[in-house]
Amino acid sequence: MIARLADAWARLPGPPTARYPEGVPFTPALANGSMSVELYAPGSNADGRDRQQPHAQDELYVVLRGQATLQLNGQPLAATPGDVLLVPAGAPHHFEPFTADFTTWVIFYGDPLISLQES
């Protein structure tokens, strides 16, 4: 399996939804078992906001372009291309601020937390 940045980038932003009326800022790239990879570019839509909620799986962010500050449990972590950030399952987080070109692979993995799956 292979995920190509150019292919994923061409799908952003995705079609509008109720949550993202200006277009979805992420797209699936590949998956296997409990692991999945998405390309995430919060600046790809007109809104330019990161509306993430805690996720049921652990996440790794591999920063490709731009700069951002990950707000993780109220702690700011500055990120630039080449950085890898870990967000444990269930942890409140979002990127703020971020440059318009901020782009990152997001790798979800591990057993989902039951409490988040039910919500």
C-alpha atoms as a PDB file:
ATOM      1  CA  MET A   1       0.000   0.000   0.000  1.00  0.00           C
ATOM      2  CA  ILE A   2       1.093   3.551  -0.635  1.00  0.00           C
ATOM      3  CA  ALA A   3      -0.379   6.970   0.082  1.00  0.00           C
ATOM      4  CA  ARG A   4       0.718   9.785  -2.193  1.00  0.00           C
ATOM      5  CA  LEU A   5       0.640  13.344  -0.877  1.00  0.00           C
ATOM      6  CA  ALA A   6      -0.313  14.836  -4.258  1.00  0.00           C
ATOM      7  CA  ASP A   7      -3.306  12.481  -4.621  1.00  0.00           C
ATOM      8  CA  ALA A   8      -4.584  13.193  -1.115  1.00  0.00           C
ATOM      9  CA  TRP A   9      -3.986  16.942  -1.422  1.00  0.00           C
ATOM     10  CA  ALA A  10      -6.042  17.010  -4.653  1.00  0.00           C
ATOM     11  CA  ARG A  11      -9.081  15.766  -2.680  1.00  0.00           C
ATOM     12  CA  LEU A  12      -9.007  18.706  -0.233  1.00  0.00           C
ATOM     13  CA  PRO A  13     -11.192  20.265   0.811  1.00  0.00           C
ATOM     14  CA  GLY A  14     -13.774  17.504   0.609  1.00  0.00           C
ATOM     15  CA  PRO A  15     -17.467  18.085  -0.069  1.00  0.00           C
ATOM     16  CA  PRO A  16     -19.384  20.235   2.428  1.00  0.00           C
ATOM     17  CA  THR A  17     -21.082  18.566   5.398  1.00  0.00           C
ATOM     18  CA  ALA A  18     -23.212  19.874   8.258  1.00  0.00           C
ATOM     19  CA  ARG A  19     -20.111  20.095  10.462  1.00  0.00           C
ATOM     20  CA  TYR A  20     -17.892  21.517   7.690  1.00  0.00           C
ATOM     21  CA  PRO A  21     -20.180  23.603   5.429  1.00  0.00           C
ATOM     22  CA  GLU A  22     -17.136  25.109   3.696  1.00  0.00           C
ATOM     23  CA  GLY A  23     -15.599  21.667   2.935  1.00  0.00           C
ATOM     24  CA  VAL A  24     -14.016  18.841   4.926  1.00  0.00           C
ATOM     25  CA  PRO A  25     -10.309  19.574   5.670  1.00  0.00           C
ATOM     26  CA  PHE A  26      -9.179  15.929   5.839  1.00  0.00           C
ATOM     27  CA  THR A  27      -9.214  12.917   3.540  1.00  0.00           C
ATOM     28  CA  PRO A  28      -8.471   9.222   4.055  1.00  0.00           C
ATOM     29  CA  ALA A  29      -5.229   7.981   2.518  1.00  0.00           C
ATOM     30  CA  LEU A  30      -4.944   4.317   3.533  1.00  0.00           C
ATOM     31  CA  ALA A  31      -5.951   1.836   6.224  1.00  0.00           C
ATOM     32  CA  ASN A  32      -5.059  -1.600   7.527  1.00  0.00           C
ATOM     33  CA  GLY A  33      -6.571  -3.263  10.588  1.00  0.00           C
ATOM     34  CA  SER A  34      -6.987  -0.705  13.375  1.00  0.00           C
ATOM     35  CA  MET A  35      -4.544   1.746  11.710  1.00  0.00           C
ATOM     36  CA  SER A  36      -5.676   4.476   9.334  1.00  0.00           C
ATOM     37  CA  VAL A  37      -3.924   7.443   7.741  1.00  0.00           C
ATOM     38  CA  GLU A  38      -5.495  10.749   6.719  1.00  0.00           C
ATOM     39  CA  LEU A  39      -4.149  13.954   5.274  1.00  0.00           C
ATOM     40  CA  TYR A  40      -5.261  16.921   7.367  1.00  0.00           C
ATOM     41  CA  ALA A  41      -5.022  20.549   6.220  1.00  0.00           C
ATOM     42  CA  PRO A  42      -7.266  22.787   8.348  1.00  0.00           C
ATOM     43  CA  GLY A  43      -6.426  25.803   6.182  1.00  0.00           C
ATOM     44  CA  SER A  44      -7.742  24.062   3.036  1.00  0.00           C
ATOM     45  CA  ASN A  45     -11.287  25.228   3.684  1.00  0.00           C
ATOM     46  CA  ALA A  46     -12.649  28.749   3.781  1.00  0.00           C
ATOM     47  CA  ASP A  47     -13.341  28.611   7.517  1.00  0.00           C
ATOM     48  CA  GLY A  48      -9.696  27.955   8.448  1.00  0.00           C
ATOM     49  CA  ARG A  49     -10.580  26.622  11.924  1.00  0.00           C
ATOM     50  CA  ASP A  50      -9.530  23.366  13.547  1.00  0.00           C
ATOM     51  CA  ARG A  51     -12.714  21.837  14.976  1.00  0.00           C
ATOM     52  CA  GLN A  52     -11.233  18.587  16.221  1.00  0.00           C
ATOM     53  CA  GLN A  53     -12.763  16.689  19.084  1.00  0.00           C
ATOM     54  CA  PRO A  54     -10.954  14.018  21.132  1.00  0.00           C
ATOM     55  CA  HIS A  55     -10.537  10.810  19.145  1.00  0.00           C
ATOM     56  CA  ALA A  56     -11.069   7.221  20.240  1.00  0.00           C
ATOM     57  CA  GLN A  57      -7.598   6.126  19.076  1.00  0.00           C
ATOM     58  CA  ASP A  58      -4.049   7.338  19.665  1.00  0.00           C
ATOM     59  CA  GLU A  59      -2.836   9.717  16.939  1.00  0.00           C
ATOM     60  CA  LEU A  60       0.517  10.560  15.427  1.00  0.00           C
ATOM     61  CA  TYR A  61       0.802  13.783  13.441  1.00  0.00           C
ATOM     62  CA  VAL A  62       3.677  13.951  10.942  1.00  0.00           C
ATOM     63  CA  VAL A  63       3.985  17.591   9.902  1.00  0.00           C
ATOM     64  CA  LEU A  64       4.610  18.073   6.179  1.00  0.00           C
ATOM     65  CA  ARG A  65       4.145  21.807   5.515  1.00  0.00           C
ATOM     66  CA  GLY A  66       3.644  25.056   7.361  1.00  0.00           C
ATOM     67  CA  GLN A  67       3.703  25.757  11.065  1.00  0.00           C
ATOM     68  CA  ALA A  68       1.212  25.218  13.845  1.00  0.00           C
ATOM     69  CA  THR A  69       0.861  25.089  17.577  1.00  0.00           C
ATOM     70  CA  LEU A  70      -0.807  21.968  18.881  1.00  0.00           C
ATOM     71  CA  GLN A  71      -2.876  22.758  21.942  1.00  0.00           C
ATOM     72  CA  LEU A  72      -2.771  19.433  23.824  1.00  0.00           C
ATOM     73  CA  ASN A  73      -4.541  19.307  27.161  1.00  0.00           C
ATOM     74  CA  GLY A  74      -4.017  23.083  27.414  1.00  0.00           C
ATOM     75  CA  GLN A  75      -0.273  22.853  26.699  1.00  0.00           C
ATOM     76  CA  PRO A  76       1.098  24.487  23.512  1.00  0.00           C
ATOM     77  CA  LEU A  77       3.526  22.482  21.350  1.00  0.00           C
ATOM     78  CA  ALA A  78       5.062  24.343  18.395  1.00  0.00           C
ATOM     79  CA  ALA A  79       5.323  22.183  15.250  1.00  0.00           C
ATOM     80  CA  THR A  80       7.192  22.615  11.971  1.00  0.00           C
ATOM     81  CA  PRO A  81       7.837  20.290   8.993  1.00  0.00           C
ATOM     82  CA  GLY A  82       9.491  17.052  10.045  1.00  0.00           C
ATOM     83  CA  ASP A  83       8.056  17.064  13.570  1.00  0.00           C
ATOM     84  CA  VAL A  84       6.053  14.120  14.890  1.00  0.00           C
ATOM     85  CA  LEU A  85       3.441  14.756  17.583  1.00  0.00           C
ATOM     86  CA  LEU A  86       1.674  12.161  19.732  1.00  0.00           C
ATOM     87  CA  VAL A  87      -1.890  12.715  20.965  1.00  0.00           C
ATOM     88  CA  PRO A  88      -3.165   9.986  23.299  1.00  0.00           C
ATOM     89  CA  ALA A  89      -6.675   8.659  22.736  1.00  0.00           C
ATOM     90  CA  GLY A  90      -9.293  10.841  24.387  1.00  0.00           C
ATOM     91  CA  ALA A  91      -7.006  13.864  24.882  1.00  0.00           C
ATOM     92  CA  PRO A  92      -8.501  17.287  24.072  1.00  0.00           C
ATOM     93  CA  HIS A  93      -6.455  18.891  21.289  1.00  0.00           C
ATOM     94  CA  HIS A  94      -6.534  21.228  18.306  1.00  0.00           C
ATOM     95  CA  PHE A  95      -4.121  23.300  16.238  1.00  0.00           C
ATOM     96  CA  GLU A  96      -4.153  27.026  16.981  1.00  0.00           C
ATOM     97  CA  PRO A  97      -2.652  29.064  15.483  1.00  0.00           C
ATOM     98  CA  PHE A  98      -1.566  27.522  12.178  1.00  0.00           C
ATOM     99  CA  THR A  99      -0.373  28.856   8.837  1.00  0.00           C
ATOM    100  CA  ALA A 100      -2.693  28.570   5.820  1.00  0.00           C
ATOM    101  CA  ASP A 101      -0.428  25.909   4.281  1.00  0.00           C
ATOM    102  CA  PHE A 102      -0.231  23.735   7.419  1.00  0.00           C
ATOM    103  CA  THR A 103      -0.533  20.098   6.322  1.00  0.00           C
ATOM    104  CA  THR A 104       0.029  16.919   8.301  1.00  0.00           C
ATOM    105  CA  TRP A 105      -0.418  13.186   7.980  1.00  0.00           C
ATOM    106  CA  VAL A 106      -2.555  11.850  10.833  1.00  0.00           C
ATOM    107  CA  ILE A 107      -2.034   8.224  11.784  1.00  0.00           C
ATOM    108  CA  PHE A 108      -4.748   6.710  13.977  1.00  0.00           C
ATOM    109  CA  TYR A 109      -3.866   3.424  15.655  1.00  0.00           C
ATOM    110  CA  GLY A 110      -4.586   1.084  18.547  1.00  0.00           C
ATOM    111  CA  ASP A 111      -7.713  -0.185  20.202  1.00  0.00           C
ATOM    112  CA  PRO A 112     -10.448   2.461  20.246  1.00  0.00           C
ATOM    113  CA  LEU A 113     -11.563   3.734  23.619  1.00  0.00           C
ATOM    114  CA  ILE A 114     -15.040   2.367  24.328  1.00  0.00           C
ATOM    115  CA  SER A 115     -16.283   5.592  25.982  1.00  0.00           C
ATOM    116  CA  LEU A 116     -15.531   7.689  22.884  1.00  0.00           C
ATOM    117  CA  GLN A 117     -17.060   5.167  20.495  1.00  0.00           C
ATOM    118  CA  GLU A 118     -20.369   5.377  22.347  1.00  0.00           C
ATOM    119  CA  SER A 119     -20.542   9.183  22.301  1.00  0.00           C
END
